Amino acid sequence: MRPAAITGEKRTMTNLLDNIEEILLMGPGPSCVHPRVYSALGRNVLGHLDPHFLTIADELRELLRRIMNTKNEFTIPISGTGSAGMEASFVNLVEPDDRVLVLTNGLFGLRMQDVARRLRARVDVLDFPWGRPVVTEEVEKAVRNNPYRIVAVVHAETSTGVRNPVKEIGSVVNGTDAIYLVDTVTSLGGMNVFMDEWHCDALYSSTQKCLSCPPGLAPLSFSEKAMARVRARKARVPNWYLDFTMIADYWGQNRVYHHTAPISMIYGLYQAALLIIEEGLEQVFERHKRNHLALVEGLEALGLKMLVEEPFRLPMLNTVLVPEGVDEASVRRRLRNEFKIELGAGLGPLAGKTWRIGLMGHTSREENVSRFLSALGRVLEG
C-alpha cells in the first residue's frame, strides 16, 4: 500500500495527547506536578538572552542555593535530566588516570562507576549491601590510605530507599585534596541537604523527584574548590555541551552564548522552587516525613514489610518486600489499569522482590497515601 502522503489520500490523525490519563505517580519518579508548575510551563517563551528571562534564571539560581543551603556562585540548572548532572560533574572533574572512590550500595553508585570508567579514571569501589547504608569507618580507612581526586556517594539511593550518611562522610573527606561529589537526585527538596555544612564540593539533583517539576533539568552546584579543579585541568573538558569553562560564561556577568537554554523548563523549575520556599523548607520536610510514617503504618497493617531498617529509611522513597507467592508485576499492572496509580519495580538484585513507592514533592499528600493503601489492599485481596 502506498503512503497517503504520496497518493494524496486524506487521513484523519488521532492526537495521542488527547488520550493521556491522569495517573497518580507513586513510583520512583517522576512525581506529580503542581498545577502552578503546569501553568508556568505554558507561559510565553522568551529568548535565552532576553533581560526578563535572565532575571528569572538568576532568581532561580538563588532559590536553588536556598534549597541546597549553599553560597556557591556556580549553582545552575544543567540542561538535561539528573543523569546529565551526574555526567557533567564527572566529565568536568575527572581526567585520565585520576583516582576516584565510589561508595556503592545501589544502582546509582554503579552508574557513577560506569561514568568514571568511561573517562578512563582509576576507579576504586567500596561495596555495601543493597538496602544497607555506607559505613563511614570503611570510607575513613580508604581515604586515609589513598590520594583520591574524587570521593562520590549517592545521598538517597533510589534503587533501595536507603539514606546514606553524607554529613559524616563529608567530615571524613574534608581536609583532604579530594573533591566530595554527592548525588541528591532523590533527596533535594524532600529532606535536609546542607551542601556547605556537609563539605560537599559538587552536588547535583533533578527536577522530577521532590522538586515536582517534569524531567528535563539537573540543578547542580560546584564549590570554589571544585571550580578551581576544573580551571586547572591539563586537557580540555572532553564533552563540549557540558563544559563548565564555557557554560559558566553564559551564567556569569558576560552572558556569552553557549547553547539555547530550555526556557519553559526553567520557568517550571522556578515555580516549583518558589512553591517550596513559600511552604517553608522545614514544613516541606515534615510533610514528607509525616506521610512516610502514615504509609509505613498502613503497609504494615496489610502485613507487608519494609526492606530498609527504620533509621536508614528515606521519607520520599519507600521500598517494600513483595510477599511470598505474589506476582509483583501483576500487582503493578492492576494498580495502573484499574486504579490509575503508578508503582515502581525493584532493580538489580531486588528485581521481582520489591516495590518502590514514591512520596515525592506534590505526590506526598495525605489523600494520596490513603488512596494508594486502599487500592493496594483491594488488589492483594484478589
Protein backbone atom coordinates (compact mmCIF):
# COMPACT_ATOMS: atom_id res chain seq x y z
CA MET A 1 0.00 0.00 0.00
CA ARG A 2 1.35 3.42 -0.95
CA PRO A 3 1.57 6.07 1.86
CA ALA A 4 -1.21 8.66 1.98
CA ALA A 5 1.37 11.43 1.50
CA ILE A 6 2.14 10.02 -1.97
CA THR A 7 -1.40 9.14 -3.12
CA GLY A 8 -2.93 12.39 -1.93
CA GLU A 9 -5.46 10.48 0.18
CA LYS A 10 -6.65 12.43 3.22
CA ARG A 11 -6.19 10.75 6.58
CA THR A 12 -7.60 11.71 9.95
CA MET A 13 -4.81 11.73 12.50
CA THR A 14 -5.56 10.89 16.12
CA ASN A 15 -3.88 13.27 18.54
CA LEU A 16 -2.45 10.88 21.12
CA LEU A 17 -2.05 13.72 23.60
CA ASP A 18 -5.84 13.80 23.95
CA ASN A 19 -5.79 10.30 25.40
CA ILE A 20 -3.33 10.84 28.26
CA GLU A 21 -4.90 9.76 31.53
CA GLU A 22 -4.30 11.42 34.87
CA ILE A 23 -2.14 8.93 36.77
CA LEU A 24 -1.20 9.18 40.43
CA LEU A 25 2.59 8.95 40.17
CA MET A 26 3.78 6.95 43.18
CA GLY A 27 6.82 5.32 41.63
CA PRO A 28 10.47 6.38 41.93
CA GLY A 29 9.89 9.34 39.61
CA PRO A 30 8.57 11.38 38.00
CA SER A 31 6.35 12.73 40.73
CA CYS A 32 3.04 14.58 40.46
CA VAL A 33 3.34 18.15 39.15
CA HIS A 34 1.67 21.07 40.93
CA PRO A 35 -0.94 22.94 38.82
CA ARG A 36 1.05 26.18 39.19
CA VAL A 37 4.08 24.46 37.66
CA TYR A 38 1.97 23.26 34.72
CA SER A 39 0.79 26.83 34.30
CA ALA A 40 4.36 28.14 34.38
CA LEU A 41 5.41 25.71 31.65
CA GLY A 42 2.80 27.26 29.34
CA ARG A 43 3.98 30.86 29.69
CA ASN A 44 5.15 32.82 26.66
CA VAL A 45 8.60 31.73 25.51
CA LEU A 46 11.29 34.42 25.66
CA GLY A 47 14.73 34.37 24.13
CA HIS A 48 17.53 32.83 26.15
CA LEU A 49 19.27 36.23 26.27
CA ASP A 50 16.10 38.24 26.94
CA PRO A 51 16.59 40.53 30.00
CA HIS A 52 13.41 39.34 31.72
CA PHE A 53 14.27 35.67 31.18
CA LEU A 54 17.76 36.25 32.58
CA THR A 55 16.21 37.83 35.67
CA ILE A 56 14.04 34.72 36.16
CA ALA A 57 17.07 32.47 35.65
CA ASP A 58 19.12 34.43 38.20
CA GLU A 59 16.31 34.28 40.74
CA LEU A 60 16.04 30.52 40.15
CA ARG A 61 19.73 30.16 40.98
CA GLU A 62 19.17 31.96 44.27
CA LEU A 63 16.19 29.73 45.10
CA LEU A 64 18.32 26.65 44.41
CA ARG A 65 21.05 27.97 46.72
CA ARG A 66 18.47 28.28 49.49
CA ILE A 67 17.18 24.72 48.97
CA MET A 68 20.75 23.34 48.78
CA ASN A 69 21.94 25.52 51.68
CA THR A 70 24.97 26.81 49.80
CA LYS A 71 26.61 30.10 48.91
CA ASN A 72 28.32 28.71 45.82
CA GLU A 73 28.40 31.14 42.91
CA PHE A 74 28.34 28.29 40.38
CA THR A 75 24.86 27.00 41.11
CA ILE A 76 22.89 26.39 37.91
CA PRO A 77 20.28 24.15 36.25
CA ILE A 78 22.03 21.87 33.76
CA SER A 79 20.11 21.25 30.53
CA GLY A 80 19.22 17.56 30.87
CA THR A 81 17.91 15.09 33.42
CA GLY A 82 19.61 14.01 36.64
CA SER A 83 21.90 11.72 34.67
CA ALA A 84 23.18 14.81 32.84
CA GLY A 85 24.02 16.28 36.23
CA MET A 86 26.00 13.15 37.06
CA GLU A 87 27.77 13.16 33.71
CA ALA A 88 28.51 16.88 33.91
CA SER A 89 30.05 16.51 37.35
CA PHE A 90 32.37 13.69 36.37
CA VAL A 91 33.30 14.97 32.92
CA ASN A 92 34.42 18.33 34.31
CA LEU A 93 36.30 16.97 37.32
CA VAL A 94 37.90 13.75 36.05
CA GLU A 95 40.94 13.37 33.82
CA PRO A 96 42.52 10.09 32.64
CA ASP A 97 44.26 8.12 35.41
CA ASP A 98 42.66 10.17 38.19
CA ARG A 99 41.85 8.04 41.22
CA VAL A 100 38.14 8.01 42.04
CA LEU A 101 36.47 6.31 45.00
CA VAL A 102 32.79 5.43 44.51
CA LEU A 103 30.78 4.38 47.56
CA THR A 104 28.21 1.92 46.23
CA ASN A 105 25.11 0.37 47.76
CA GLY A 106 22.71 0.50 44.84
CA LEU A 107 22.19 1.04 41.13
CA PHE A 108 23.21 4.68 41.02
CA GLY A 109 26.53 4.02 42.66
CA LEU A 110 27.09 1.51 39.87
CA ARG A 111 26.21 4.21 37.34
CA MET A 112 28.79 6.54 38.89
CA GLN A 113 31.41 3.83 38.41
CA ASP A 114 30.45 3.42 34.76
CA VAL A 115 30.65 7.15 34.03
CA ALA A 116 34.05 7.49 35.74
CA ARG A 117 35.50 4.48 33.91
CA ARG A 118 34.38 5.86 30.54
CA LEU A 119 36.54 8.88 31.36
CA ARG A 120 39.47 6.49 31.94
CA ALA A 121 39.64 7.15 35.66
CA ARG A 122 41.18 4.59 38.01
CA VAL A 123 38.07 3.65 39.94
CA ASP A 124 38.14 2.10 43.41
CA VAL A 125 34.89 0.86 44.89
CA LEU A 126 33.64 0.34 48.41
CA ASP A 127 30.66 -2.00 48.07
CA PHE A 128 27.93 -2.27 50.67
CA PRO A 129 24.81 -4.48 50.65
CA TRP A 130 21.79 -3.14 48.78
CA GLY A 131 19.37 -1.99 51.46
CA ARG A 132 22.11 -1.01 53.92
CA PRO A 133 23.89 2.36 54.28
CA VAL A 134 27.52 3.15 53.56
CA VAL A 135 29.74 2.53 56.62
CA THR A 136 31.66 5.72 57.39
CA GLU A 137 34.51 3.90 59.14
CA GLU A 138 35.26 1.99 55.94
CA VAL A 139 35.39 5.24 54.00
CA GLU A 140 37.77 6.73 56.56
CA LYS A 141 40.21 3.84 56.14
CA ALA A 142 40.16 4.15 52.35
CA VAL A 143 40.58 7.92 52.29
CA ARG A 144 43.37 7.81 54.87
CA ASN A 145 45.43 5.42 52.77
CA ASN A 146 44.81 6.75 49.24
CA PRO A 147 45.12 10.15 47.50
CA TYR A 148 41.76 10.30 45.71
CA ARG A 149 40.78 13.05 43.30
CA ILE A 150 37.07 12.38 43.90
CA VAL A 151 35.03 10.60 46.57
CA ALA A 152 31.48 10.07 45.29
CA VAL A 153 28.30 8.92 47.02
CA VAL A 154 24.52 8.88 46.49
CA HIS A 155 22.66 10.64 49.30
CA ALA A 156 19.27 8.96 48.70
CA GLU A 157 19.73 5.69 46.83
CA THR A 158 16.60 5.47 44.65
CA SER A 159 17.03 1.79 43.89
CA THR A 160 16.78 0.76 47.55
CA GLY A 161 15.31 3.59 49.63
CA VAL A 162 18.44 3.96 51.78
CA ARG A 163 19.71 7.26 53.19
CA ASN A 164 23.50 7.38 53.24
CA PRO A 165 25.42 9.33 55.94
CA VAL A 166 26.51 12.19 53.68
CA LYS A 167 27.28 14.54 56.57
CA GLU A 168 29.55 12.03 58.32
CA ILE A 169 31.34 11.09 55.09
CA GLY A 170 31.87 14.79 54.40
CA SER A 171 33.64 15.16 57.73
CA VAL A 172 35.98 12.33 56.70
CA VAL A 173 36.74 13.75 53.25
CA ASN A 174 37.10 17.34 54.49
CA GLY A 175 40.72 18.38 54.83
CA THR A 176 41.92 16.06 52.06
CA ASP A 177 42.58 17.09 48.47
CA ALA A 178 39.64 15.02 47.26
CA ILE A 179 36.55 16.56 45.73
CA TYR A 180 33.46 15.34 47.59
CA LEU A 181 30.75 14.62 44.99
CA VAL A 182 27.18 13.96 46.13
CA ASP A 183 24.11 12.78 44.20
CA THR A 184 20.96 14.40 45.63
CA VAL A 185 18.66 13.42 42.76
CA THR A 186 16.03 11.95 45.08
CA SER A 187 16.72 13.85 48.31
CA LEU A 188 16.77 17.51 47.26
CA GLY A 189 13.50 19.19 48.17
CA GLY A 190 12.28 16.31 50.32
CA MET A 191 14.77 16.26 53.19
CA ASN A 192 17.56 18.41 54.56
CA VAL A 193 20.55 18.99 52.30
CA PHE A 194 23.31 21.18 53.75
CA MET A 195 25.83 21.41 50.96
CA ASP A 196 28.28 23.80 52.60
CA GLU A 197 27.93 22.48 56.14
CA TRP A 198 28.50 18.91 54.93
CA HIS A 199 31.63 19.94 52.99
CA CYS A 200 30.19 18.89 49.63
CA ASP A 201 32.25 20.22 46.71
CA ALA A 202 29.98 19.09 43.88
CA LEU A 203 26.29 18.31 44.14
CA TYR A 204 23.65 17.55 41.53
CA SER A 205 19.96 16.71 41.51
CA SER A 206 17.00 16.50 39.13
CA THR A 207 13.66 18.21 38.66
CA GLN A 208 11.26 15.26 38.59
CA LYS A 209 11.55 13.94 42.12
CA CYS A 210 10.91 16.07 45.22
CA LEU A 211 11.08 19.33 43.25
CA SER A 212 7.88 18.19 41.47
CA CYS A 213 8.72 19.54 38.04
CA PRO A 214 8.77 17.43 34.84
CA PRO A 215 12.11 15.81 33.99
CA GLY A 216 14.47 17.96 31.95
CA LEU A 217 16.85 19.90 34.21
CA ALA A 218 19.55 18.93 36.69
CA PRO A 219 20.16 21.51 39.44
CA LEU A 220 23.89 21.48 40.18
CA SER A 221 26.33 23.36 42.39
CA PHE A 222 30.14 23.41 42.45
CA SER A 223 32.21 24.89 45.27
CA GLU A 224 35.15 27.16 44.51
CA LYS A 225 37.43 24.20 45.27
CA ALA A 226 35.66 22.19 42.56
CA MET A 227 35.67 25.06 40.06
CA ALA A 228 39.38 25.61 40.69
CA ARG A 229 39.93 21.94 39.84
CA VAL A 230 38.00 22.45 36.58
CA ARG A 231 40.08 25.50 35.65
CA ALA A 232 43.33 23.65 36.44
CA ARG A 233 42.65 20.73 34.08
CA LYS A 234 45.57 19.60 31.92
CA ALA A 235 43.28 18.94 28.96
CA ARG A 236 40.02 20.45 27.80
CA VAL A 237 36.75 19.00 29.10
CA PRO A 238 36.01 16.17 26.63
CA ASN A 239 32.28 16.96 26.41
CA TRP A 240 31.52 20.29 24.67
CA TYR A 241 27.87 20.50 25.73
CA LEU A 242 28.66 20.05 29.43
CA ASP A 243 31.92 22.05 29.58
CA PHE A 244 31.66 24.31 32.62
CA THR A 245 34.52 26.52 31.46
CA MET A 246 32.13 27.69 28.72
CA ILE A 247 28.77 27.27 30.47
CA ALA A 248 30.00 29.49 33.32
CA ASP A 249 30.34 32.37 30.85
CA TYR A 250 26.65 32.14 29.96
CA TRP A 251 25.51 32.09 33.58
CA GLY A 252 28.04 34.76 34.59
CA GLN A 253 28.16 38.51 34.03
CA ASN A 254 29.12 38.36 30.35
CA ARG A 255 26.20 36.17 29.17
CA VAL A 256 28.26 34.56 26.42
CA TYR A 257 26.08 32.31 24.26
CA HIS A 258 26.84 28.60 24.66
CA HIS A 259 23.62 26.68 23.95
CA THR A 260 19.96 27.65 23.96
CA ALA A 261 18.62 27.28 27.48
CA PRO A 262 15.38 25.25 27.86
CA ILE A 263 13.26 28.31 28.56
CA SER A 264 9.98 26.68 29.53
CA MET A 265 11.65 24.14 31.82
CA ILE A 266 13.41 26.96 33.64
CA TYR A 267 10.02 28.64 34.12
CA GLY A 268 8.70 25.38 35.56
CA LEU A 269 11.62 24.84 37.92
CA TYR A 270 11.48 28.45 39.05
CA GLN A 271 7.82 28.00 40.01
CA ALA A 272 8.47 24.62 41.65
CA ALA A 273 11.33 26.02 43.75
CA LEU A 274 9.21 29.05 44.66
CA LEU A 275 6.44 26.74 45.92
CA ILE A 276 8.92 25.00 48.23
CA ILE A 277 10.18 28.30 49.64
CA GLU A 278 6.61 29.58 50.07
CA GLU A 279 5.59 26.46 52.01
CA GLY A 280 8.82 26.60 54.03
CA LEU A 281 11.64 24.09 53.87
CA GLU A 282 11.04 22.61 57.31
CA GLN A 283 7.31 22.34 56.63
CA VAL A 284 8.02 20.54 53.35
CA PHE A 285 10.35 18.08 55.06
CA GLU A 286 7.88 17.48 57.88
CA ARG A 287 5.12 16.78 55.31
CA HIS A 288 7.31 14.17 53.62
CA LYS A 289 8.13 12.54 56.96
CA ARG A 290 4.53 12.55 58.18
CA ASN A 291 3.19 10.93 55.03
CA HIS A 292 6.03 8.41 55.00
CA LEU A 293 5.15 7.29 58.53
CA ALA A 294 1.47 7.01 57.60
CA LEU A 295 2.38 4.92 54.56
CA VAL A 296 4.60 2.57 56.56
CA GLU A 297 1.90 2.13 59.21
CA GLY A 298 -0.65 1.28 56.52
CA LEU A 299 1.68 -1.15 54.75
CA GLU A 300 2.43 -2.96 57.98
CA ALA A 301 -1.31 -3.18 58.67
CA LEU A 302 -1.57 -5.02 55.35
CA GLY A 303 1.09 -7.47 56.56
CA LEU A 304 3.88 -6.04 54.38
CA LYS A 305 7.48 -5.49 55.47
CA MET A 306 9.95 -2.76 54.57
CA LEU A 307 13.33 -3.58 53.04
CA VAL A 308 15.30 -0.90 54.88
CA GLU A 309 15.71 -0.70 58.64
CA GLU A 310 13.90 2.27 60.20
CA PRO A 311 16.91 4.55 60.98
CA PHE A 312 18.10 4.48 57.36
CA ARG A 313 14.79 4.85 55.50
CA LEU A 314 14.04 7.68 53.12
CA PRO A 315 10.79 9.60 53.61
CA MET A 316 10.24 10.01 49.87
CA LEU A 317 11.17 6.57 48.50
CA ASN A 318 9.80 3.52 50.30
CA THR A 319 10.92 0.01 49.34
CA VAL A 320 8.56 -2.81 50.30
CA LEU A 321 9.23 -6.54 50.20
CA VAL A 322 6.86 -8.46 47.93
CA PRO A 323 5.07 -11.21 49.91
CA GLU A 324 5.83 -14.83 49.08
CA GLY A 325 3.68 -16.11 46.23
CA VAL A 326 2.60 -12.67 44.99
CA ASP A 327 3.24 -11.73 41.34
CA GLU A 328 4.68 -8.25 41.83
CA ALA A 329 4.31 -7.23 38.17
CA SER A 330 0.63 -8.24 38.18
CA VAL A 331 0.02 -6.05 41.23
CA ARG A 332 1.62 -3.06 39.49
CA ARG A 333 -0.42 -3.65 36.33
CA ARG A 334 -3.69 -3.78 38.25
CA LEU A 335 -2.85 -0.64 40.19
CA ARG A 336 -2.11 1.17 36.92
CA ASN A 337 -5.02 -0.13 34.88
CA GLU A 338 -7.79 -0.30 37.49
CA PHE A 339 -6.83 2.41 39.98
CA LYS A 340 -4.69 4.77 37.86
CA ILE A 341 -1.73 4.54 40.26
CA GLU A 342 1.87 4.04 39.15
CA LEU A 343 4.20 1.96 41.31
CA GLY A 344 7.91 1.21 40.80
CA ALA A 345 9.52 -2.21 40.46
CA GLY A 346 12.71 -3.42 42.11
CA LEU A 347 16.04 -3.10 40.31
CA GLY A 348 19.17 -5.24 40.08
CA PRO A 349 19.26 -7.95 42.75
CA LEU A 350 15.94 -6.63 44.10
CA ALA A 351 14.08 -7.11 40.80
CA GLY A 352 10.90 -9.12 41.38
CA LYS A 353 11.40 -8.90 45.14
CA THR A 354 10.39 -5.33 45.96
CA TRP A 355 8.07 -2.47 45.11
CA ARG A 356 9.30 1.12 45.24
CA ILE A 357 6.68 3.60 46.43
CA GLY A 358 7.40 7.27 45.85
CA LEU A 359 6.10 10.04 48.09
CA MET A 360 7.95 12.86 46.40
CA GLY A 361 7.05 16.52 46.34
CA HIS A 362 3.45 17.16 45.26
CA THR A 363 2.77 13.40 45.42
CA SER A 364 3.44 13.46 49.16
CA ARG A 365 -0.09 14.26 50.31
CA GLU A 366 -2.30 12.55 52.88
CA GLU A 367 -5.08 11.83 50.38
CA ASN A 368 -2.64 10.06 48.08
CA VAL A 369 -1.41 7.79 50.86
CA SER A 370 -5.00 6.84 51.74
CA ARG A 371 -5.93 6.24 48.09
CA PHE A 372 -2.89 4.06 47.49
CA LEU A 373 -3.31 1.94 50.62
CA SER A 374 -6.98 1.33 49.82
CA ALA A 375 -6.17 0.30 46.25
CA LEU A 376 -3.25 -1.93 47.24
CA GLY A 377 -5.37 -3.67 49.87
CA ARG A 378 -8.06 -4.48 47.31
CA VAL A 379 -5.51 -5.80 44.81
CA LEU A 380 -3.79 -8.02 47.39
CA GLU A 381 -7.16 -9.43 48.43
CA GLY A 382 -7.52 -10.64 44.84
